[in-house]
Amino acid sequence: MWWYGEGSPSGWTYALMTLSMILFWGLIIYGVVWLLRYSGRDDAPEARKPTPEDLLAERFARGEIDEPEYRQRLETLRHHRLPTAPL
């Protein structure tokens, strides 16, 4: 390798080149991981939190509660529902 100026590169030059290369590849890897993790986050069905009515319907579908109890609890949930704020 031919270097401009006098002398050859010192140990600090090699250390700075090594650190800058590690930093460069670390940022590239971090960016790829971030894109993979957060790119499809809103489309994931697991991201939606089930409502109390959904949980009640699941219990009814599994047979944990019978129809009169399901209807009574559903009516209670709907009667005591908190008003949602307009967007």
PDB file of N, CA and C in Angstrom:
ATOM      1  N   MET A   1       0.834  -1.163   0.000  1.00  0.00           N
ATOM      2  CA  MET A   1       0.000   0.000   0.000  1.00  0.00           C
ATOM      3  C   MET A   1       0.890   1.241   0.000  1.00  0.00           C
ATOM      4  N   TRP A   2       0.501   2.203  -0.760  1.00  0.00           N
ATOM      5  CA  TRP A   2       1.264   3.450  -0.793  1.00  0.00           C
ATOM      6  C   TRP A   2       0.495   4.505  -0.019  1.00  0.00           C
ATOM      7  N   TRP A   3       1.162   5.181   0.889  1.00  0.00           N
ATOM      8  CA  TRP A   3       0.537   6.190   1.711  1.00  0.00           C
ATOM      9  C   TRP A   3       1.088   7.551   1.323  1.00  0.00           C
ATOM     10  N   TYR A   4       0.224   8.529   1.356  1.00  0.00           N
ATOM     11  CA  TYR A   4       0.655   9.897   1.086  1.00  0.00           C
ATOM     12  C   TYR A   4       1.285  10.480   2.335  1.00  0.00           C
ATOM     13  N   GLY A   5       2.216  11.309   2.191  1.00  0.00           N
ATOM     14  CA  GLY A   5       2.879  11.929   3.326  1.00  0.00           C
ATOM     15  C   GLY A   5       4.044  11.089   3.806  1.00  0.00           C
ATOM     16  N   GLU A   6       4.561  11.467   4.922  1.00  0.00           N
ATOM     17  CA  GLU A   6       5.741  10.783   5.428  1.00  0.00           C
ATOM     18  C   GLU A   6       5.357   9.613   6.318  1.00  0.00           C
ATOM     19  N   GLY A   7       6.088   8.577   6.227  1.00  0.00           N
ATOM     20  CA  GLY A   7       5.935   7.440   7.109  1.00  0.00           C
ATOM     21  C   GLY A   7       4.739   6.564   6.763  1.00  0.00           C
ATOM     22  N   SER A   8       4.584   5.534   7.546  1.00  0.00           N
ATOM     23  CA  SER A   8       3.480   4.605   7.360  1.00  0.00           C
ATOM     24  C   SER A   8       2.433   4.838   8.444  1.00  0.00           C
ATOM     25  N   PRO A   9       1.264   4.256   8.277  1.00  0.00           N
ATOM     26  CA  PRO A   9       0.223   4.459   9.290  1.00  0.00           C
ATOM     27  C   PRO A   9       0.634   3.875  10.633  1.00  0.00           C
ATOM     28  N   SER A  10       0.208   4.527  11.679  1.00  0.00           N
ATOM     29  CA  SER A  10       0.559   4.075  13.027  1.00  0.00           C
ATOM     30  C   SER A  10      -0.513   3.128  13.559  1.00  0.00           C
ATOM     31  N   GLY A  11      -0.324   2.693  14.764  1.00  0.00           N
ATOM     32  CA  GLY A  11      -1.288   1.795  15.401  1.00  0.00           C
ATOM     33  C   GLY A  11      -2.637   2.449  15.615  1.00  0.00           C
ATOM     34  N   TRP A  12      -2.639   3.768  15.859  1.00  0.00           N
ATOM     35  CA  TRP A  12      -3.902   4.483  16.040  1.00  0.00           C
ATOM     36  C   TRP A  12      -4.723   4.481  14.759  1.00  0.00           C
ATOM     37  N   THR A  13      -4.073   4.541  13.640  1.00  0.00           N
ATOM     38  CA  THR A  13      -4.800   4.523  12.366  1.00  0.00           C
ATOM     39  C   THR A  13      -5.528   3.205  12.205  1.00  0.00           C
ATOM     40  N   TYR A  14      -4.849   2.105  12.488  1.00  0.00           N
ATOM     41  CA  TYR A  14      -5.491   0.794  12.390  1.00  0.00           C
ATOM     42  C   TYR A  14      -6.600   0.630  13.422  1.00  0.00           C
ATOM     43  N   ALA A  15      -6.400   1.156  14.605  1.00  0.00           N
ATOM     44  CA  ALA A  15      -7.430   1.071  15.644  1.00  0.00           C
ATOM     45  C   ALA A  15      -8.674   1.857  15.242  1.00  0.00           C
ATOM     46  N   LEU A  16      -8.496   3.059  14.703  1.00  0.00           N
ATOM     47  CA  LEU A  16      -9.648   3.858  14.270  1.00  0.00           C
ATOM     48  C   LEU A  16     -10.358   3.218  13.084  1.00  0.00           C
ATOM     49  N   MET A  17      -9.600   2.621  12.165  1.00  0.00           N
ATOM     50  CA  MET A  17     -10.245   1.933  11.043  1.00  0.00           C
ATOM     51  C   MET A  17     -11.054   0.737  11.529  1.00  0.00           C
ATOM     52  N   THR A  18     -10.507   0.007  12.486  1.00  0.00           N
ATOM     53  CA  THR A  18     -11.218  -1.154  13.032  1.00  0.00           C
ATOM     54  C   THR A  18     -12.484  -0.718  13.756  1.00  0.00           C
ATOM     55  N   LEU A  19     -12.386   0.286  14.596  1.00  0.00           N
ATOM     56  CA  LEU A  19     -13.564   0.767  15.326  1.00  0.00           C
ATOM     57  C   LEU A  19     -14.630   1.320  14.387  1.00  0.00           C
ATOM     58  N   SER A  20     -14.216   2.052  13.367  1.00  0.00           N
ATOM     59  CA  SER A  20     -15.208   2.594  12.444  1.00  0.00           C
ATOM     60  C   SER A  20     -15.885   1.491  11.649  1.00  0.00           C
ATOM     61  N   MET A  21     -15.159   0.428  11.295  1.00  0.00           N
ATOM     62  CA  MET A  21     -15.779  -0.687  10.572  1.00  0.00           C
ATOM     63  C   MET A  21     -16.765  -1.439  11.468  1.00  0.00           C
ATOM     64  N   ILE A  22     -16.416  -1.636  12.741  1.00  0.00           N
ATOM     65  CA  ILE A  22     -17.325  -2.291  13.683  1.00  0.00           C
ATOM     66  C   ILE A  22     -18.578  -1.438  13.879  1.00  0.00           C
ATOM     67  N   LEU A  23     -18.410  -0.138  14.013  1.00  0.00           N
ATOM     68  CA  LEU A  23     -19.551   0.760  14.158  1.00  0.00           C
ATOM     69  C   LEU A  23     -20.433   0.741  12.911  1.00  0.00           C
ATOM     70  N   PHE A  24     -19.824   0.759  11.743  1.00  0.00           N
ATOM     71  CA  PHE A  24     -20.569   0.737  10.485  1.00  0.00           C
ATOM     72  C   PHE A  24     -21.431  -0.527  10.380  1.00  0.00           C
ATOM     73  N   TRP A  25     -20.816  -1.705  10.583  1.00  0.00           N
ATOM     74  CA  TRP A  25     -21.574  -2.948  10.464  1.00  0.00           C
ATOM     75  C   TRP A  25     -22.582  -3.102  11.594  1.00  0.00           C
ATOM     76  N   GLY A  26     -22.266  -2.583  12.767  1.00  0.00           N
ATOM     77  CA  GLY A  26     -23.237  -2.622  13.857  1.00  0.00           C
ATOM     78  C   GLY A  26     -24.488  -1.816  13.532  1.00  0.00           C
ATOM     79  N   LEU A  27     -24.309  -0.636  12.932  1.00  0.00           N
ATOM     80  CA  LEU A  27     -25.461   0.176  12.535  1.00  0.00           C
ATOM     81  C   LEU A  27     -26.261  -0.486  11.424  1.00  0.00           C
ATOM     82  N   ILE A  28     -25.585  -1.115  10.483  1.00  0.00           N
ATOM     83  CA  ILE A  28     -26.286  -1.824   9.403  1.00  0.00           C
ATOM     84  C   ILE A  28     -27.117  -2.971   9.975  1.00  0.00           C
ATOM     85  N   ILE A  29     -26.530  -3.774  10.847  1.00  0.00           N
ATOM     86  CA  ILE A  29     -27.254  -4.906  11.440  1.00  0.00           C
ATOM     87  C   ILE A  29     -28.405  -4.413  12.299  1.00  0.00           C
ATOM     88  N   TYR A  30     -28.195  -3.361  13.084  1.00  0.00           N
ATOM     89  CA  TYR A  30     -29.263  -2.806  13.907  1.00  0.00           C
ATOM     90  C   TYR A  30     -30.411  -2.307  13.030  1.00  0.00           C
ATOM     91  N   GLY A  31     -30.104  -1.653  11.933  1.00  0.00           N
ATOM     92  CA  GLY A  31     -31.140  -1.155  11.035  1.00  0.00           C
ATOM     93  C   GLY A  31     -31.954  -2.275  10.417  1.00  0.00           C
ATOM     94  N   VAL A  32     -31.303  -3.358  10.011  1.00  0.00           N
ATOM     95  CA  VAL A  32     -32.020  -4.490   9.415  1.00  0.00           C
ATOM     96  C   VAL A  32     -32.917  -5.152  10.451  1.00  0.00           C
ATOM     97  N   VAL A  33     -32.400  -5.348  11.653  1.00  0.00           N
ATOM     98  CA  VAL A  33     -33.208  -5.960  12.715  1.00  0.00           C
ATOM     99  C   VAL A  33     -34.396  -5.073  13.054  1.00  0.00           C
ATOM    100  N   TRP A  34     -34.185  -3.773  13.137  1.00  0.00           N
ATOM    101  CA  TRP A  34     -35.279  -2.852  13.437  1.00  0.00           C
ATOM    102  C   TRP A  34     -36.349  -2.903  12.354  1.00  0.00           C
ATOM    103  N   LEU A  35     -35.934  -2.921  11.089  1.00  0.00           N
ATOM    104  CA  LEU A  35     -36.905  -2.990   9.993  1.00  0.00           C
ATOM    105  C   LEU A  35     -37.695  -4.285  10.030  1.00  0.00           C
ATOM    106  N   LEU A  36     -37.033  -5.401  10.288  1.00  0.00           N
ATOM    107  CA  LEU A  36     -37.737  -6.679  10.342  1.00  0.00           C
ATOM    108  C   LEU A  36     -38.694  -6.753  11.522  1.00  0.00           C
ATOM    109  N   ARG A  37     -38.306  -6.169  12.628  1.00  0.00           N
ATOM    110  CA  ARG A  37     -39.130  -6.253  13.828  1.00  0.00           C
ATOM    111  C   ARG A  37     -40.350  -5.334  13.760  1.00  0.00           C
ATOM    112  N   TYR A  38     -40.187  -4.134  13.230  1.00  0.00           N
ATOM    113  CA  TYR A  38     -41.254  -3.142  13.302  1.00  0.00           C
ATOM    114  C   TYR A  38     -41.966  -2.873  11.988  1.00  0.00           C
ATOM    115  N   SER A  39     -41.592  -3.518  10.915  1.00  0.00           N
ATOM    116  CA  SER A  39     -42.217  -3.207   9.630  1.00  0.00           C
ATOM    117  C   SER A  39     -43.650  -3.718   9.552  1.00  0.00           C
ATOM    118  N   GLY A  40     -43.927  -4.927   9.995  1.00  0.00           N
ATOM    119  CA  GLY A  40     -45.266  -5.475   9.881  1.00  0.00           C
ATOM    120  C   GLY A  40     -45.994  -5.557  11.190  1.00  0.00           C
ATOM    121  N   ARG A  41     -45.694  -4.693  12.093  1.00  0.00           N
ATOM    122  CA  ARG A  41     -46.252  -4.780  13.431  1.00  0.00           C
ATOM    123  C   ARG A  41     -47.762  -4.560  13.474  1.00  0.00           C
ATOM    124  N   ASP A  42     -48.285  -3.647  12.703  1.00  0.00           N
ATOM    125  CA  ASP A  42     -49.726  -3.357  12.753  1.00  0.00           C
ATOM    126  C   ASP A  42     -50.560  -4.435  12.081  1.00  0.00           C
ATOM    127  N   ASP A  43     -49.975  -5.208  11.183  1.00  0.00           N
ATOM    128  CA  ASP A  43     -50.712  -6.231  10.454  1.00  0.00           C
ATOM    129  C   ASP A  43     -50.834  -7.533  11.226  1.00  0.00           C
ATOM    130  N   ALA A  44     -50.083  -7.686  12.278  1.00  0.00           N
ATOM    131  CA  ALA A  44     -50.077  -8.937  13.029  1.00  0.00           C
ATOM    132  C   ALA A  44     -51.381  -9.093  13.803  1.00  0.00           C
ATOM    133  N   PRO A  45     -52.044 -10.254  13.692  1.00  0.00           N
ATOM    134  CA  PRO A  45     -53.287 -10.442  14.447  1.00  0.00           C
ATOM    135  C   PRO A  45     -53.053 -10.511  15.949  1.00  0.00           C
ATOM    136  N   GLU A  46     -51.827 -10.864  16.387  1.00  0.00           N
ATOM    137  CA  GLU A  46     -51.550 -10.924  17.811  1.00  0.00           C
ATOM    138  C   GLU A  46     -51.485  -9.535  18.435  1.00  0.00           C
ATOM    139  N   ALA A  47     -51.305  -8.511  17.604  1.00  0.00           N
ATOM    140  CA  ALA A  47     -51.166  -7.158  18.122  1.00  0.00           C
ATOM    141  C   ALA A  47     -52.491  -6.617  18.672  1.00  0.00           C
ATOM    142  N   ARG A  48     -53.628  -7.179  18.223  1.00  0.00           N
ATOM    143  CA  ARG A  48     -54.928  -6.701  18.674  1.00  0.00           C
ATOM    144  C   ARG A  48     -55.270  -7.348  20.010  1.00  0.00           C
ATOM    145  N   LYS A  49     -55.553  -6.512  20.981  1.00  0.00           N
ATOM    146  CA  LYS A  49     -55.914  -7.003  22.301  1.00  0.00           C
ATOM    147  C   LYS A  49     -57.382  -7.422  22.281  1.00  0.00           C
ATOM    148  N   PRO A  50     -57.690  -8.631  22.768  1.00  0.00           N
ATOM    149  CA  PRO A  50     -59.095  -9.072  22.751  1.00  0.00           C
ATOM    150  C   PRO A  50     -59.941  -8.250  23.714  1.00  0.00           C
ATOM    151  N   THR A  51     -61.155  -7.978  23.292  1.00  0.00           N
ATOM    152  CA  THR A  51     -62.095  -7.235  24.126  1.00  0.00           C
ATOM    153  C   THR A  51     -62.721  -8.184  25.152  1.00  0.00           C
ATOM    154  N   PRO A  52     -63.322  -7.654  26.202  1.00  0.00           N
ATOM    155  CA  PRO A  52     -64.013  -8.532  27.158  1.00  0.00           C
ATOM    156  C   PRO A  52     -65.117  -9.361  26.488  1.00  0.00           C
ATOM    157  N   GLU A  53     -65.772  -8.791  25.485  1.00  0.00           N
ATOM    158  CA  GLU A  53     -66.804  -9.549  24.777  1.00  0.00           C
ATOM    159  C   GLU A  53     -66.192 -10.703  23.994  1.00  0.00           C
ATOM    160  N   ASP A  54     -65.003 -10.491  23.426  1.00  0.00           N
ATOM    161  CA  ASP A  54     -64.311 -11.575  22.726  1.00  0.00           C
ATOM    162  C   ASP A  54     -63.960 -12.705  23.690  1.00  0.00           C
ATOM    163  N   LEU A  55     -63.453 -12.341  24.855  1.00  0.00           N
ATOM    164  CA  LEU A  55     -63.099 -13.359  25.846  1.00  0.00           C
ATOM    165  C   LEU A  55     -64.329 -14.135  26.319  1.00  0.00           C
ATOM    166  N   LEU A  56     -65.428 -13.429  26.499  1.00  0.00           N
ATOM    167  CA  LEU A  56     -66.671 -14.086  26.909  1.00  0.00           C
ATOM    168  C   LEU A  56     -67.160 -15.037  25.822  1.00  0.00           C
ATOM    169  N   ALA A  57     -67.072 -14.619  24.562  1.00  0.00           N
ATOM    170  CA  ALA A  57     -67.484 -15.478  23.454  1.00  0.00           C
ATOM    171  C   ALA A  57     -66.600 -16.718  23.363  1.00  0.00           C
ATOM    172  N   GLU A  58     -65.313 -16.574  23.641  1.00  0.00           N
ATOM    173  CA  GLU A  58     -64.416 -17.736  23.636  1.00  0.00           C
ATOM    174  C   GLU A  58     -64.803 -18.723  24.735  1.00  0.00           C
ATOM    175  N   ARG A  59     -65.130 -18.211  25.911  1.00  0.00           N
ATOM    176  CA  ARG A  59     -65.547 -19.095  27.003  1.00  0.00           C
ATOM    177  C   ARG A  59     -66.835 -19.836  26.648  1.00  0.00           C
ATOM    178  N   PHE A  60     -67.759 -19.139  25.989  1.00  0.00           N
ATOM    179  CA  PHE A  60     -69.001 -19.772  25.568  1.00  0.00           C
ATOM    180  C   PHE A  60     -68.727 -20.828  24.499  1.00  0.00           C
ATOM    181  N   ALA A  61     -67.836 -20.529  23.573  1.00  0.00           N
ATOM    182  CA  ALA A  61     -67.518 -21.477  22.507  1.00  0.00           C
ATOM    183  C   ALA A  61     -66.813 -22.725  23.059  1.00  0.00           C
ATOM    184  N   ARG A  62     -66.024 -22.576  24.108  1.00  0.00           N
ATOM    185  CA  ARG A  62     -65.344 -23.730  24.705  1.00  0.00           C
ATOM    186  C   ARG A  62     -66.275 -24.537  25.608  1.00  0.00           C
ATOM    187  N   GLY A  63     -67.450 -24.016  25.906  1.00  0.00           N
ATOM    188  CA  GLY A  63     -68.405 -24.725  26.746  1.00  0.00           C
ATOM    189  C   GLY A  63     -68.197 -24.485  28.231  1.00  0.00           C
ATOM    190  N   GLU A  64     -67.419 -23.484  28.594  1.00  0.00           N
ATOM    191  CA  GLU A  64     -67.197 -23.198  30.013  1.00  0.00           C
ATOM    192  C   GLU A  64     -68.427 -22.584  30.664  1.00  0.00           C
ATOM    193  N   ILE A  65     -69.232 -21.871  29.878  1.00  0.00           N
ATOM    194  CA  ILE A  65     -70.462 -21.272  30.387  1.00  0.00           C
ATOM    195  C   ILE A  65     -71.592 -21.639  29.435  1.00  0.00           C
ATOM    196  N   ASP A  66     -72.823 -21.671  29.965  1.00  0.00           N
ATOM    197  CA  ASP A  66     -73.967 -22.006  29.116  1.00  0.00           C
ATOM    198  C   ASP A  66     -74.593 -20.731  28.544  1.00  0.00           C
ATOM    199  N   GLU A  67     -75.615 -20.903  27.702  1.00  0.00           N
ATOM    200  CA  GLU A  67     -76.187 -19.767  26.983  1.00  0.00           C
ATOM    201  C   GLU A  67     -76.830 -18.727  27.897  1.00  0.00           C
ATOM    202  N   PRO A  68     -77.635 -19.111  28.898  1.00  0.00           N
ATOM    203  CA  PRO A  68     -78.211 -18.063  29.777  1.00  0.00           C
ATOM    204  C   PRO A  68     -77.131 -17.242  30.499  1.00  0.00           C
ATOM    205  N   GLU A  69     -76.079 -17.920  30.965  1.00  0.00           N
ATOM    206  CA  GLU A  69     -75.014 -17.195  31.643  1.00  0.00           C
ATOM    207  C   GLU A  69     -74.275 -16.285  30.668  1.00  0.00           C
ATOM    208  N   TYR A  70     -74.052 -16.785  29.431  1.00  0.00           N
ATOM    209  CA  TYR A  70     -73.392 -15.967  28.410  1.00  0.00           C
ATOM    210  C   TYR A  70     -74.191 -14.704  28.128  1.00  0.00           C
ATOM    211  N   ARG A  71     -75.509 -14.854  27.911  1.00  0.00           N
ATOM    212  CA  ARG A  71     -76.349 -13.691  27.603  1.00  0.00           C
ATOM    213  C   ARG A  71     -76.410 -12.709  28.776  1.00  0.00           C
ATOM    214  N   GLN A  72     -76.482 -13.236  29.998  1.00  0.00           N
ATOM    215  CA  GLN A  72     -76.537 -12.365  31.175  1.00  0.00           C
ATOM    216  C   GLN A  72     -75.233 -11.582  31.325  1.00  0.00           C
ATOM    217  N   ARG A  73     -74.101 -12.252  31.155  1.00  0.00           N
ATOM    218  CA  ARG A  73     -72.805 -11.567  31.273  1.00  0.00           C
ATOM    219  C   ARG A  73     -72.587 -10.583  30.126  1.00  0.00           C
ATOM    220  N   LEU A  74     -73.020 -10.937  28.922  1.00  0.00           N
ATOM    221  CA  LEU A  74     -72.894 -10.045  27.780  1.00  0.00           C
ATOM    222  C   LEU A  74     -73.731  -8.788  27.995  1.00  0.00           C
ATOM    223  N   GLU A  75     -74.937  -8.966  28.523  1.00  0.00           N
ATOM    224  CA  GLU A  75     -75.789  -7.811  28.809  1.00  0.00           C
ATOM    225  C   GLU A  75     -75.149  -6.925  29.881  1.00  0.00           C
ATOM    226  N   THR A  76     -74.562  -7.540  30.891  1.00  0.00           N
ATOM    227  CA  THR A  76     -73.880  -6.783  31.941  1.00  0.00           C
ATOM    228  C   THR A  76     -72.700  -5.999  31.367  1.00  0.00           C
ATOM    229  N   LEU A  77     -71.913  -6.643  30.511  1.00  0.00           N
ATOM    230  CA  LEU A  77     -70.777  -5.953  29.891  1.00  0.00           C
ATOM    231  C   LEU A  77     -71.230  -4.762  29.061  1.00  0.00           C
ATOM    232  N   ARG A  78     -72.265  -4.965  28.273  1.00  0.00           N
ATOM    233  CA  ARG A  78     -72.747  -3.880  27.407  1.00  0.00           C
ATOM    234  C   ARG A  78     -73.393  -2.764  28.214  1.00  0.00           C
ATOM    235  N   HIS A  79     -74.022  -3.095  29.323  1.00  0.00           N
ATOM    236  CA  HIS A  79     -74.673  -2.087  30.161  1.00  0.00           C
ATOM    237  C   HIS A  79     -73.646  -1.211  30.883  1.00  0.00           C
ATOM    238  N   HIS A  80     -72.538  -1.816  31.287  1.00  0.00           N
ATOM    239  CA  HIS A  80     -71.525  -1.090  32.060  1.00  0.00           C
ATOM    240  C   HIS A  80     -70.324  -0.678  31.225  1.00  0.00           C
ATOM    241  N   ARG A  81     -70.477  -0.659  29.943  1.00  0.00           N
ATOM    242  CA  ARG A  81     -69.375  -0.269  29.048  1.00  0.00           C
ATOM    243  C   ARG A  81     -69.055   1.207  29.249  1.00  0.00           C
ATOM    244  N   LEU A  82     -67.762   1.502  29.328  1.00  0.00           N
ATOM    245  CA  LEU A  82     -67.330   2.891  29.470  1.00  0.00           C
ATOM    246  C   LEU A  82     -67.443   3.596  28.129  1.00  0.00           C
ATOM    247  N   PRO A  83     -67.864   4.856  28.119  1.00  0.00           N
ATOM    248  CA  PRO A  83     -67.926   5.577  26.846  1.00  0.00           C
ATOM    249  C   PRO A  83     -66.517   5.773  26.286  1.00  0.00           C
ATOM    250  N   THR A  84     -66.397   5.577  24.997  1.00  0.00           N
ATOM    251  CA  THR A  84     -65.082   5.760  24.358  1.00  0.00           C
ATOM    252  C   THR A  84     -64.949   7.194  23.885  1.00  0.00           C
ATOM    253  N   ALA A  85     -63.738   7.686  23.951  1.00  0.00           N
ATOM    254  CA  ALA A  85     -63.456   9.066  23.512  1.00  0.00           C
ATOM    255  C   ALA A  85     -63.429   9.119  21.995  1.00  0.00           C
ATOM    256  N   PRO A  86     -64.035  10.151  21.408  1.00  0.00           N
ATOM    257  CA  PRO A  86     -64.000  10.260  19.933  1.00  0.00           C
ATOM    258  C   PRO A  86     -62.570  10.549  19.464  1.00  0.00           C
ATOM    259  N   LEU A  87     -62.258   9.990  18.297  1.00  0.00           N
ATOM    260  CA  LEU A  87     -60.919  10.192  17.736  1.00  0.00           C
ATOM    261  C   LEU A  87     -60.812  11.480  17.010  1.00  0.00           C
TER     262      LEU A  87
END
